Amino acid sequence: MSGKDSAFGGNDEDRLIVSQIIAGQKELFRLLVERHERAVYGMGLSFFRNADDASDFVQEVFLKVYRSLSRFEGRSRFSTWLYKIAYNTAVNGVNRQKEYRSLAEEETVRDEDTPERRLLRSAAREAVLTALKALPERYRICVDMFFFYDRSYQEIETITGYPVNTIKSHVFRAKKLLREKLEGLA
């Protein structure tokens, strides 16, 4: 598995599963769900901010994917195709509801951390979150996809519809703004 496919499963494996599903082995769809459910759920949390809405989002996305599976042409990775469906579904849902929330807002706790480390990590996390929240939404989406979902500029273009140069500009500007906001904290 390559680094870019690690969060979403291998591309060749996904293509094989898709071809088998299209050939009539419908029960294999659960494998695609198992491989990609966590990433889609993470996107759902980013956009909808609560577990119930994120779970509903996952079901909606995989229903759309299942219905559209025969249209997957294999020109991109399956995960990119899936993510485009998820992103469009999320954007349409957010337009009806709420605003985007960065994946950086998800807190990770490590068992080996001391209370002091947890406190420092929490303070640093809060500073980064405050800085991220101050970014324009289009910057946050590009930063999330690039850094937290490990998507390439080309994949982000496919997913969001933003031109690659715009994405590069958004990531560059976001990093500059974050650096400026966080400089005084070091």
Foldseek 3Di string as FASTA:
>chain_A
DDPLCVLQHDQVVVVVLLVVCVVPPVVSLVVNCVRHVVVLLLQQCQQPVDNVSSVVLSVVLSVVCSVCSVVPPSPDGPVLVSLLSSLVSSVVVCVVPNGGHASLPDDDDDPPDDPVRVVVVVVVSVLLRVLLVPQPRVLRVLLRCVPVSVDDLVSVCSRPVDDSVVSVVSPVVSVVSSCVSCVVVD
